[in-house]
Amino acid sequence: MAKIAIAHLVGSSTYSQSRFHDTPKLPKELPHAYEERTWRHKLHVNEDGCVEIPPMAFKNCIAEAAKFLGLQVPGKGKSTYTKHFEAGILVTDPSPLEVKADEVEGKWFFLPSDGVRGSGKRVKKCLPAIPKGWKATVEFLIFDDTITEDVFLTHLKQAGQLIGIGTFRPRNNGYWGRFLVQNLTWKEYDLS
């Protein structure tokens, strides 16, 4: 039988998003003016105007943590938990934050124009910055019995500190998007 893990998380650092948007430029609008006008469009926003974290952010975060940690499954030789987290876990719903998109502040950075670290040309970019202390409730569906509650919690805690979510997260050589696990509820999940 499948399990559901309901995780209550709190941000231990600033969180930012970089959702793709293709807002058209105004006639004769310069790149800096365009960035200044549209930087909030990088946020994922629900119908209530609140910022929400996409489900794949957490799914990918914990799967990346499993790969990074490389912990071995007891009794399975050299086999690690990586494939179990990649295929056996799902997050289906976004996690709304108690932050209105129009209240989010922007921070300006001098970043590579193509998004590749170490590449040539740099430009000024504004990133939406949600201060540490943000809270999210995430429901993970676990379909793989190899992943026990203790194994899941270990990976989620490490994911919050070593991998992170969003733009400029630790796994991408940043320090934003880190989180702590406040508590975790683990229960049976009826698939029917």
Protein backbone atom coordinates (compact mmCIF):
# COMPACT_ATOMS: atom_id res chain seq x y z
CA MET A 1 0.00 0.00 0.00
CA ALA A 2 1.17 3.50 -0.79
CA LYS A 3 2.04 6.02 1.90
CA ILE A 4 1.54 9.75 2.16
CA ALA A 5 4.07 11.96 3.92
CA ILE A 6 2.81 15.41 4.87
CA ALA A 7 5.81 17.62 5.53
CA HIS A 8 5.61 20.99 7.22
CA LEU A 9 8.64 22.97 6.10
CA VAL A 10 10.07 26.33 7.08
CA GLY A 11 12.56 28.29 5.00
CA SER A 12 15.97 28.67 6.61
CA SER A 13 17.06 31.06 3.86
CA THR A 14 15.59 33.37 1.23
CA TYR A 15 13.61 31.63 -1.53
CA SER A 16 13.39 32.78 -5.14
CA GLN A 17 11.77 31.58 -8.35
CA SER A 18 12.63 31.93 -12.02
CA ARG A 19 9.49 30.83 -13.87
CA PHE A 20 9.77 31.28 -17.62
CA HIS A 21 7.62 34.06 -19.00
CA ASP A 22 7.47 35.49 -22.48
CA THR A 23 5.97 38.88 -21.69
CA PRO A 24 6.39 40.97 -24.84
CA LYS A 25 8.73 43.93 -24.76
CA LEU A 26 7.24 47.36 -25.22
CA PRO A 27 8.33 49.35 -28.29
CA LYS A 28 11.88 50.66 -27.79
CA GLU A 29 12.04 49.19 -24.27
CA LEU A 30 15.60 48.64 -23.08
CA PRO A 31 16.56 45.33 -21.39
CA HIS A 32 16.94 46.89 -17.93
CA ALA A 33 13.54 48.58 -18.17
CA TYR A 34 11.99 45.29 -19.31
CA GLU A 35 13.54 43.45 -16.35
CA GLU A 36 12.37 46.15 -13.96
CA ARG A 37 8.81 45.92 -15.32
CA THR A 38 8.51 42.12 -15.50
CA TRP A 39 10.62 40.56 -12.70
CA ARG A 40 7.52 39.56 -10.69
CA HIS A 41 6.41 37.46 -13.66
CA LYS A 42 9.11 34.98 -12.58
CA LEU A 43 6.88 33.98 -9.66
CA HIS A 44 4.43 31.06 -9.69
CA VAL A 45 1.16 32.61 -8.51
CA ASN A 46 -2.18 30.97 -7.69
CA GLU A 47 -5.67 32.39 -8.32
CA ASP A 48 -5.62 34.11 -4.90
CA GLY A 49 -2.51 36.08 -5.84
CA CYS A 50 -0.28 34.09 -3.47
CA VAL A 51 3.09 32.67 -4.44
CA GLU A 52 3.11 28.89 -4.71
CA ILE A 53 5.92 26.37 -5.02
CA PRO A 54 5.50 23.99 -7.99
CA PRO A 55 5.18 20.30 -7.04
CA MET A 56 8.19 19.22 -9.09
CA ALA A 57 10.46 21.50 -7.06
CA PHE A 58 10.12 19.22 -4.03
CA LYS A 59 10.02 15.96 -6.00
CA ASN A 60 13.22 16.86 -7.83
CA CYS A 61 14.82 18.18 -4.63
CA ILE A 62 14.44 14.92 -2.70
CA ALA A 63 15.36 12.78 -5.73
CA GLU A 64 18.52 14.86 -6.17
CA ALA A 65 19.29 14.41 -2.46
CA ALA A 66 19.03 10.63 -2.83
CA LYS A 67 21.46 10.75 -5.74
CA PHE A 68 23.80 13.09 -3.87
CA LEU A 69 23.81 11.06 -0.63
CA GLY A 70 24.10 7.66 -2.32
CA LEU A 71 22.92 5.80 0.78
CA GLN A 72 22.78 2.05 0.23
CA VAL A 73 19.61 0.01 0.67
CA PRO A 74 20.21 -2.53 3.48
CA GLY A 75 20.37 -6.09 2.16
CA LYS A 76 20.60 -4.99 -1.50
CA GLY A 77 24.36 -5.02 -1.98
CA LYS A 78 25.65 -1.78 -3.52
CA SER A 79 22.16 -0.65 -4.60
CA THR A 80 21.30 2.89 -3.44
CA TYR A 81 17.99 4.65 -2.82
CA THR A 82 18.37 6.87 -5.89
CA LYS A 83 16.10 4.94 -8.28
CA HIS A 84 13.53 4.43 -5.51
CA PHE A 85 13.24 8.18 -4.92
CA GLU A 86 13.28 9.03 -8.64
CA ALA A 87 10.48 6.61 -9.57
CA GLY A 88 8.72 5.92 -6.27
CA ILE A 89 7.77 9.40 -5.06
CA LEU A 90 5.33 11.94 -6.45
CA VAL A 91 4.18 15.41 -5.45
CA THR A 92 1.01 16.37 -7.32
CA ASP A 93 -0.11 19.69 -5.85
CA PRO A 94 1.63 23.05 -5.58
CA SER A 95 2.39 24.35 -2.09
CA PRO A 96 0.95 27.83 -1.53
CA LEU A 97 2.89 30.27 0.62
CA GLU A 98 1.30 32.95 2.77
CA VAL A 99 2.97 35.58 0.60
CA LYS A 100 1.16 37.77 -1.90
CA ALA A 101 3.04 38.16 -5.17
CA ASP A 102 2.59 41.94 -5.17
CA GLU A 103 4.30 42.15 -1.74
CA VAL A 104 7.46 40.28 -2.80
CA GLU A 105 10.57 42.43 -3.04
CA GLY A 106 13.16 42.11 -5.77
CA LYS A 107 16.94 41.93 -5.42
CA TRP A 108 19.24 42.94 -8.24
CA PHE A 109 22.25 40.84 -9.26
CA PHE A 110 24.87 40.96 -12.00
CA LEU A 111 24.39 37.55 -13.63
CA PRO A 112 25.42 35.72 -16.81
CA SER A 113 23.07 36.71 -19.64
CA ASP A 114 22.70 33.08 -20.79
CA GLY A 115 22.34 31.65 -17.26
CA VAL A 116 25.57 29.63 -17.53
CA ARG A 117 28.06 30.24 -14.72
CA GLY A 118 31.41 31.47 -15.98
CA SER A 119 30.17 32.45 -19.43
CA GLY A 120 31.07 35.80 -20.94
CA LYS A 121 28.50 38.57 -20.93
CA ARG A 122 26.77 39.57 -17.70
CA VAL A 123 23.61 41.61 -17.23
CA LYS A 124 21.60 43.02 -14.35
CA LYS A 125 18.74 40.71 -13.32
CA CYS A 126 16.14 41.15 -10.63
CA LEU A 127 15.16 38.06 -8.66
CA PRO A 128 12.04 37.88 -6.50
CA ALA A 129 13.20 37.34 -2.91
CA ILE A 130 10.92 35.76 -0.30
CA PRO A 131 12.68 36.14 3.07
CA LYS A 132 13.59 33.19 5.28
CA GLY A 133 10.80 31.99 7.52
CA TRP A 134 8.48 31.11 4.62
CA LYS A 135 6.31 28.06 5.38
CA ALA A 136 5.06 25.32 3.07
CA THR A 137 3.08 22.14 3.56
CA VAL A 138 3.98 19.46 1.03
CA GLU A 139 2.24 16.14 0.42
CA PHE A 140 4.57 13.44 -0.90
CA LEU A 141 3.02 10.24 -2.26
CA ILE A 142 5.34 7.26 -1.72
CA PHE A 143 4.67 4.23 -3.91
CA ASP A 144 7.90 2.32 -3.22
CA ASP A 145 7.93 0.24 -0.02
CA THR A 146 11.73 0.42 0.06
CA ILE A 147 11.34 4.01 1.27
CA THR A 148 10.49 3.85 4.98
CA GLU A 149 9.53 6.80 7.15
CA ASP A 150 13.04 7.06 8.65
CA VAL A 151 14.70 6.85 5.23
CA PHE A 152 12.32 9.46 3.82
CA LEU A 153 12.86 11.88 6.72
CA THR A 154 16.65 11.53 6.50
CA HIS A 155 16.58 12.34 2.80
CA LEU A 156 14.13 15.25 3.20
CA LYS A 157 16.23 16.86 5.93
CA GLN A 158 19.38 16.58 3.82
CA ALA A 159 17.50 17.82 0.73
CA GLY A 160 16.55 20.97 2.62
CA GLN A 161 20.12 21.78 3.56
CA LEU A 162 22.25 20.40 0.72
CA ILE A 163 20.02 20.68 -2.37
CA GLY A 164 17.33 23.32 -1.77
CA ILE A 165 14.64 24.62 -4.10
CA GLY A 166 14.28 27.55 -6.47
CA THR A 167 16.83 29.91 -7.93
CA PHE A 168 20.33 30.16 -6.44
CA ARG A 169 19.90 26.96 -4.38
CA PRO A 170 22.88 25.15 -2.78
CA ARG A 171 22.99 22.41 -5.43
CA ASN A 172 23.56 25.14 -8.01
CA ASN A 173 26.31 26.85 -6.00
CA GLY A 174 23.98 29.22 -4.19
CA TYR A 175 22.65 29.58 -0.67
CA TRP A 176 18.95 30.41 -1.15
CA GLY A 177 16.07 27.92 -1.06
CA ARG A 178 17.15 25.97 2.01
CA PHE A 179 14.52 24.63 4.40
CA LEU A 180 14.05 22.73 7.66
CA VAL A 181 11.50 20.02 8.42
CA GLN A 182 9.26 21.23 11.27
CA ASN A 183 7.29 17.99 11.42
CA LEU A 184 6.26 15.03 9.30
CA THR A 185 3.07 12.98 9.30
CA TRP A 186 3.34 9.49 7.76
CA LYS A 187 0.24 7.46 7.00
CA GLU A 188 -1.32 4.89 4.70
CA TYR A 189 -2.68 6.16 1.40
CA ASP A 190 -5.63 4.46 -0.26
CA LEU A 191 -5.09 4.30 -4.01
CA SER A 192 -8.68 3.31 -4.82
